[in-house]
Amino acid sequence: PALEAAIMIGTVPPYHMYGFETLVLQALHTR
C-alpha cells in the first residue's frame, strides 16, 4: 500500500500460481 513503488524479491518459482501472480503478473500489470 505504500506510495513508492517496490521491487518484489521472490523465493518461489514463477510457474507456481503464487509466484505467477506476485512475481510475473504484478510486474506486468502494476507499478
All heavy atoms as atom14 arrays in JSON, in Angstrom:
{
  "sequence": "PALEAAIMIGTVPPYHMYGFETLVLQALHTR",
  "atom14_mask": [
    [1, 1, 1, 1, 1, 1, 1, 0, 0, 0, 0, 0, 0, 0],
    [1, 1, 1, 1, 1, 0, 0, 0, 0, 0, 0, 0, 0, 0],
    [1, 1, 1, 1, 1, 1, 1, 1, 0, 0, 0, 0, 0, 0],
    [1, 1, 1, 1, 1, 1, 1, 1, 1, 0, 0, 0, 0, 0],
    [1, 1, 1, 1, 1, 0, 0, 0, 0, 0, 0, 0, 0, 0],
    [1, 1, 1, 1, 1, 0, 0, 0, 0, 0, 0, 0, 0, 0],
    [1, 1, 1, 1, 1, 1, 1, 1, 0, 0, 0, 0, 0, 0],
    [1, 1, 1, 1, 1, 1, 1, 1, 0, 0, 0, 0, 0, 0],
    [1, 1, 1, 1, 1, 1, 1, 1, 0, 0, 0, 0, 0, 0],
    [1, 1, 1, 1, 0, 0, 0, 0, 0, 0, 0, 0, 0, 0],
    [1, 1, 1, 1, 1, 1, 1, 0, 0, 0, 0, 0, 0, 0],
    [1, 1, 1, 1, 1, 1, 1, 0, 0, 0, 0, 0, 0, 0],
    [1, 1, 1, 1, 1, 1, 1, 0, 0, 0, 0, 0, 0, 0],
    [1, 1, 1, 1, 1, 1, 1, 0, 0, 0, 0, 0, 0, 0],
    [1, 1, 1, 1, 1, 1, 1, 1, 1, 1, 1, 1, 0, 0],
    [1, 1, 1, 1, 1, 1, 1, 1, 1, 1, 0, 0, 0, 0],
    [1, 1, 1, 1, 1, 1, 1, 1, 0, 0, 0, 0, 0, 0],
    [1, 1, 1, 1, 1, 1, 1, 1, 1, 1, 1, 1, 0, 0],
    [1, 1, 1, 1, 0, 0, 0, 0, 0, 0, 0, 0, 0, 0],
    [1, 1, 1, 1, 1, 1, 1, 1, 1, 1, 1, 0, 0, 0],
    [1, 1, 1, 1, 1, 1, 1, 1, 1, 0, 0, 0, 0, 0],
    [1, 1, 1, 1, 1, 1, 1, 0, 0, 0, 0, 0, 0, 0],
    [1, 1, 1, 1, 1, 1, 1, 1, 0, 0, 0, 0, 0, 0],
    [1, 1, 1, 1, 1, 1, 1, 0, 0, 0, 0, 0, 0, 0],
    [1, 1, 1, 1, 1, 1, 1, 1, 0, 0, 0, 0, 0, 0],
    [1, 1, 1, 1, 1, 1, 1, 1, 1, 0, 0, 0, 0, 0],
    [1, 1, 1, 1, 1, 0, 0, 0, 0, 0, 0, 0, 0, 0],
    [1, 1, 1, 1, 1, 1, 1, 1, 0, 0, 0, 0, 0, 0],
    [1, 1, 1, 1, 1, 1, 1, 1, 1, 1, 0, 0, 0, 0],
    [1, 1, 1, 1, 1, 1, 1, 0, 0, 0, 0, 0, 0, 0],
    [1, 1, 1, 1, 1, 1, 1, 1, 1, 1, 1, 0, 0, 0]
  ],
  "atom14_positions": [
    [[0.79, -1.23, 0.0], [0.0, 0.0, 0.0], [0.82, 1.28, 0.0], [0.25, 2.37, -0.12], [-0.81, -0.13, 1.3], [0.06, -0.97, 2.2], [0.75, -1.93, 1.29], [0.0, 0.0, 0.0], [0.0, 0.0, 0.0], [0.0, 0.0, 0.0], [0.0, 0.0, 0.0], [0.0, 0.0, 0.0], [0.0, 0.0, 0.0], [0.0, 0.0, 0.0]],
    [[2.15, 1.2, 0.14], [2.97, 2.41, 0.16], [2.91, 3.13, -1.18], [2.64, 2.53, -2.23], [4.41, 2.04, 0.5], [0.0, 0.0, 0.0], [0.0, 0.0, 0.0], [0.0, 0.0, 0.0], [0.0, 0.0, 0.0], [0.0, 0.0, 0.0], [0.0, 0.0, 0.0], [0.0, 0.0, 0.0], [0.0, 0.0, 0.0], [0.0, 0.0, 0.0]],
    [[3.18, 4.42, -1.16], [3.11, 5.22, -2.39], [4.29, 4.95, -3.3], [4.16, 4.98, -4.53], [3.06, 6.72, -2.03], [1.81, 7.18, -1.28], [1.93, 8.66, -0.92], [0.57, 6.94, -2.13], [0.0, 0.0, 0.0], [0.0, 0.0, 0.0], [0.0, 0.0, 0.0], [0.0, 0.0, 0.0], [0.0, 0.0, 0.0], [0.0, 0.0, 0.0]],
    [[5.47, 4.67, -2.73], [6.67, 4.44, -3.54], [6.66, 3.01, -4.06], [6.46, 2.05, -3.31], [7.92, 4.68, -2.7], [9.21, 4.55, -3.49], [10.43, 4.76, -2.61], [10.25, 4.91, -1.39], [11.55, 4.76, -3.14], [0.0, 0.0, 0.0], [0.0, 0.0, 0.0], [0.0, 0.0, 0.0], [0.0, 0.0, 0.0], [0.0, 0.0, 0.0]],
    [[6.87, 2.84, -5.37], [6.86, 1.51, -5.98], [7.94, 0.63, -5.38], [9.07, 1.08, -5.14], [7.04, 1.62, -7.48], [0.0, 0.0, 0.0], [0.0, 0.0, 0.0], [0.0, 0.0, 0.0], [0.0, 0.0, 0.0], [0.0, 0.0, 0.0], [0.0, 0.0, 0.0], [0.0, 0.0, 0.0], [0.0, 0.0, 0.0], [0.0, 0.0, 0.0]],
    [[7.62, -0.61, -5.17], [8.54, -1.58, -4.57], [9.09, -2.52, -5.61], [8.62, -2.57, -6.76], [7.84, -2.37, -3.47], [0.0, 0.0, 0.0], [0.0, 0.0, 0.0], [0.0, 0.0, 0.0], [0.0, 0.0, 0.0], [0.0, 0.0, 0.0], [0.0, 0.0, 0.0], [0.0, 0.0, 0.0], [0.0, 0.0, 0.0], [0.0, 0.0, 0.0]],
    [[10.09, -3.29, -5.21], [10.62, -4.36, -6.04], [10.36, -5.69, -5.33], [10.63, -5.84, -4.14], [12.13, -4.17, -6.32], [12.65, -5.3, -7.22], [12.93, -4.09, -5.04], [14.05, -5.04, -7.73], [0.0, 0.0, 0.0], [0.0, 0.0, 0.0], [0.0, 0.0, 0.0], [0.0, 0.0, 0.0], [0.0, 0.0, 0.0], [0.0, 0.0, 0.0]],
    [[9.75, -6.65, -6.04], [9.46, -7.96, -5.49], [10.7, -8.85, -5.59], [11.28, -8.98, -6.68], [8.3, -8.62, -6.23], [6.97, -7.95, -6.03], [6.28, -8.36, -4.42], [4.58, -7.77, -4.63], [0.0, 0.0, 0.0], [0.0, 0.0, 0.0], [0.0, 0.0, 0.0], [0.0, 0.0, 0.0], [0.0, 0.0, 0.0], [0.0, 0.0, 0.0]],
    [[11.07, -9.47, -4.49], [12.17, -10.44, -4.46], [11.55, -11.77, -4.03], [11.03, -11.89, -2.92], [13.29, -10.01, -3.51], [13.91, -8.71, -4.0], [14.34, -11.1, -3.37], [14.96, -8.13, -3.06], [0.0, 0.0, 0.0], [0.0, 0.0, 0.0], [0.0, 0.0, 0.0], [0.0, 0.0, 0.0], [0.0, 0.0, 0.0], [0.0, 0.0, 0.0]],
    [[11.58, -12.76, -4.9], [10.84, -13.99, -4.65], [11.72, -15.2, -4.41], [12.75, -15.37, -5.05], [0.0, 0.0, 0.0], [0.0, 0.0, 0.0], [0.0, 0.0, 0.0], [0.0, 0.0, 0.0], [0.0, 0.0, 0.0], [0.0, 0.0, 0.0], [0.0, 0.0, 0.0], [0.0, 0.0, 0.0], [0.0, 0.0, 0.0], [0.0, 0.0, 0.0]],
    [[11.28, -16.04, -3.47], [11.94, -17.32, -3.25], [11.11, -18.47, -3.83], [11.45, -19.63, -3.66], [12.14, -17.6, -1.74], [10.87, -17.82, -1.13], [12.82, -16.43, -1.06], [0.0, 0.0, 0.0], [0.0, 0.0, 0.0], [0.0, 0.0, 0.0], [0.0, 0.0, 0.0], [0.0, 0.0, 0.0], [0.0, 0.0, 0.0], [0.0, 0.0, 0.0]],
    [[10.01, -18.13, -4.5], [9.1, -19.15, -5.03], [9.17, -19.13, -6.56], [9.47, -18.1, -7.17], [7.65, -18.89, -4.57], [7.56, -19.07, -3.07], [7.18, -17.5, -4.95], [0.0, 0.0, 0.0], [0.0, 0.0, 0.0], [0.0, 0.0, 0.0], [0.0, 0.0, 0.0], [0.0, 0.0, 0.0], [0.0, 0.0, 0.0], [0.0, 0.0, 0.0]],
    [[8.93, -20.26, -7.23], [9.08, -20.31, -8.69], [7.9, -19.63, -9.39], [6.77, -19.66, -8.91], [9.09, -21.81, -8.98], [8.33, -22.43, -7.85], [8.63, -21.59, -6.65], [0.0, 0.0, 0.0], [0.0, 0.0, 0.0], [0.0, 0.0, 0.0], [0.0, 0.0, 0.0], [0.0, 0.0, 0.0], [0.0, 0.0, 0.0], [0.0, 0.0, 0.0]],
    [[8.14, -19.04, -10.56], [7.08, -18.33, -11.28], [6.05, -19.25, -11.91], [4.99, -18.79, -12.31], [7.85, -17.55, -12.35], [9.11, -18.33, -12.57], [9.45, -18.91, -11.24], [0.0, 0.0, 0.0], [0.0, 0.0, 0.0], [0.0, 0.0, 0.0], [0.0, 0.0, 0.0], [0.0, 0.0, 0.0], [0.0, 0.0, 0.0], [0.0, 0.0, 0.0]],
    [[6.36, -20.56, -12.01], [5.38, -21.47, -12.61], [4.41, -22.03, -11.57], [3.54, -22.83, -11.9], [6.08, -22.62, -13.36], [7.22, -23.25, -12.63], [7.02, -24.11, -11.56], [8.54, -23.0, -13.02], [8.06, -24.69, -10.89], [9.61, -23.59, -12.36], [9.36, -24.43, -11.29], [10.41, -25.0, -10.63], [0.0, 0.0, 0.0], [0.0, 0.0, 0.0]],
    [[4.54, -21.65, -10.31], [3.52, -21.93, -9.3], [2.58, -20.73, -9.23], [3.0, -19.59, -9.41], [4.19, -22.17, -7.94], [3.24, -22.61, -6.87], [2.47, -21.72, -6.15], [2.92, -23.84, -6.4], [1.72, -22.38, -5.29], [1.98, -23.67, -5.42], [0.0, 0.0, 0.0], [0.0, 0.0, 0.0], [0.0, 0.0, 0.0], [0.0, 0.0, 0.0]],
    [[1.3, -20.95, -8.96], [0.33, -19.87, -9.01], [0.71, -18.71, -8.11], [0.52, -17.54, -8.47], [-1.07, -20.41, -8.63], [-2.2, -19.44, -8.92], [-2.38, -19.16, -10.71], [-3.39, -17.67, -10.7], [0.0, 0.0, 0.0], [0.0, 0.0, 0.0], [0.0, 0.0, 0.0], [0.0, 0.0, 0.0], [0.0, 0.0, 0.0], [0.0, 0.0, 0.0]],
    [[1.27, -18.98, -6.96], [1.7, -17.94, -6.02], [2.77, -17.06, -6.64], [2.66, -15.83, -6.67], [2.2, -18.63, -4.75], [2.79, -17.76, -3.68], [2.39, -16.44, -3.48], [3.77, -18.28, -2.82], [2.94, -15.67, -2.47], [4.32, -17.53, -1.8], [3.91, -16.22, -1.63], [4.46, -15.46, -0.62], [0.0, 0.0, 0.0], [0.0, 0.0, 0.0]],
    [[3.82, -17.68, -7.19], [4.87, -16.9, -7.84], [4.4, -16.24, -9.12], [4.82, -15.12, -9.46], [0.0, 0.0, 0.0], [0.0, 0.0, 0.0], [0.0, 0.0, 0.0], [0.0, 0.0, 0.0], [0.0, 0.0, 0.0], [0.0, 0.0, 0.0], [0.0, 0.0, 0.0], [0.0, 0.0, 0.0], [0.0, 0.0, 0.0], [0.0, 0.0, 0.0]],
    [[3.54, -16.91, -9.86], [3.0, -16.37, -11.12], [2.27, -15.05, -10.86], [2.48, -14.05, -11.56], [2.06, -17.4, -11.73], [1.49, -17.04, -13.07], [2.29, -16.57, -14.1], [0.12, -17.18, -13.31], [1.76, -16.24, -15.34], [-0.42, -16.86, -14.54], [0.4, -16.39, -15.56], [0.0, 0.0, 0.0], [0.0, 0.0, 0.0], [0.0, 0.0, 0.0]],
    [[1.44, -15.02, -9.83], [0.67, -13.81, -9.54], [1.54, -12.68, -9.0], [1.35, -11.52, -9.37], [-0.43, -14.12, -8.51], [-1.61, -14.87, -9.07], [-2.78, -14.87, -8.11], [-2.6, -15.29, -6.96], [-3.87, -14.43, -8.51], [0.0, 0.0, 0.0], [0.0, 0.0, 0.0], [0.0, 0.0, 0.0], [0.0, 0.0, 0.0], [0.0, 0.0, 0.0]],
    [[2.48, -13.01, -8.1], [3.24, -11.95, -7.42], [4.46, -11.48, -8.19], [4.73, -10.27, -8.26], [3.68, -12.44, -6.03], [4.38, -13.69, -6.17], [2.49, -12.63, -5.11], [0.0, 0.0, 0.0], [0.0, 0.0, 0.0], [0.0, 0.0, 0.0], [0.0, 0.0, 0.0], [0.0, 0.0, 0.0], [0.0, 0.0, 0.0], [0.0, 0.0, 0.0]],
    [[5.21, -12.41, -8.8], [6.48, -12.04, -9.43], [6.34, -11.72, -10.91], [7.16, -10.98, -11.46], [7.49, -13.18, -9.25], [7.74, -13.64, -7.81], [8.72, -14.81, -7.79], [8.25, -12.49, -6.97], [0.0, 0.0, 0.0], [0.0, 0.0, 0.0], [0.0, 0.0, 0.0], [0.0, 0.0, 0.0], [0.0, 0.0, 0.0], [0.0, 0.0, 0.0]],
    [[5.33, -12.28, -11.57], [5.17, -12.08, -13.01], [4.05, -11.08, -13.3], [4.27, -10.03, -13.92], [4.9, -13.42, -13.72], [4.66, -13.2, -15.21], [6.08, -14.36, -13.52], [0.0, 0.0, 0.0], [0.0, 0.0, 0.0], [0.0, 0.0, 0.0], [0.0, 0.0, 0.0], [0.0, 0.0, 0.0], [0.0, 0.0, 0.0], [0.0, 0.0, 0.0]],
    [[2.84, -11.38, -12.85], [1.7, -10.55, -13.22], [1.73, -9.19, -12.56], [1.33, -8.18, -13.18], [0.4, -11.28, -12.87], [0.19, -12.61, -13.61], [-1.14, -13.24, -13.22], [0.25, -12.41, -15.13], [0.0, 0.0, 0.0], [0.0, 0.0, 0.0], [0.0, 0.0, 0.0], [0.0, 0.0, 0.0], [0.0, 0.0, 0.0], [0.0, 0.0, 0.0]],
    [[2.2, -9.1, -11.31], [2.3, -7.78, -10.68], [3.27, -6.88, -11.46], [3.02, -5.68, -11.63], [2.77, -7.91, -9.23], [1.7, -8.34, -8.25], [0.67, -7.26, -7.99], [0.93, -6.07, -8.09], [-0.55, -7.68, -7.67], [0.0, 0.0, 0.0], [0.0, 0.0, 0.0], [0.0, 0.0, 0.0], [0.0, 0.0, 0.0], [0.0, 0.0, 0.0]],
    [[4.36, -7.47, -11.96], [5.32, -6.68, -12.73], [4.72, -6.18, -14.04], [5.0, -5.06, -14.49], [6.58, -7.5, -13.02], [0.0, 0.0, 0.0], [0.0, 0.0, 0.0], [0.0, 0.0, 0.0], [0.0, 0.0, 0.0], [0.0, 0.0, 0.0], [0.0, 0.0, 0.0], [0.0, 0.0, 0.0], [0.0, 0.0, 0.0], [0.0, 0.0, 0.0]],
    [[3.87, -6.99, -14.67], [3.27, -6.61, -15.94], [2.11, -5.64, -15.77], [1.91, -4.74, -16.6], [2.79, -7.85, -16.69], [3.85, -8.86, -17.13], [3.19, -10.06, -17.79], [4.86, -8.21, -18.07], [0.0, 0.0, 0.0], [0.0, 0.0, 0.0], [0.0, 0.0, 0.0], [0.0, 0.0, 0.0], [0.0, 0.0, 0.0], [0.0, 0.0, 0.0]],
    [[1.33, -5.81, -14.71], [0.05, -5.1, -14.6], [0.08, -3.86, -13.71], [-0.81, -3.02, -13.81], [-1.02, -6.05, -14.04], [-1.28, -7.23, -14.91], [-1.81, -8.42, -14.43], [-1.08, -7.43, -16.24], [-1.93, -9.29, -15.42], [-1.49, -8.71, -16.51], [0.0, 0.0, 0.0], [0.0, 0.0, 0.0], [0.0, 0.0, 0.0], [0.0, 0.0, 0.0]],
    [[1.07, -3.76, -12.8], [1.06, -2.66, -11.82], [2.41, -1.97, -11.8], [3.29, -2.26, -12.61], [0.72, -3.18, -10.41], [1.86, -3.87, -9.87], [-0.48, -4.13, -10.44], [0.0, 0.0, 0.0], [0.0, 0.0, 0.0], [0.0, 0.0, 0.0], [0.0, 0.0, 0.0], [0.0, 0.0, 0.0], [0.0, 0.0, 0.0], [0.0, 0.0, 0.0]],
    [[2.59, -1.07, -10.84], [3.82, -0.29, -10.74], [4.97, -1.07, -10.13], [6.11, -0.6, -10.12], [3.56, 0.94, -9.88], [3.05, 0.59, -8.48], [2.84, 1.85, -7.64], [2.11, 1.59, -6.41], [2.61, 0.98, -5.34], [3.85, 0.54, -5.36], [1.87, 0.81, -4.27], [0.0, 0.0, 0.0], [0.0, 0.0, 0.0], [0.0, 0.0, 0.0]]
  ]
}
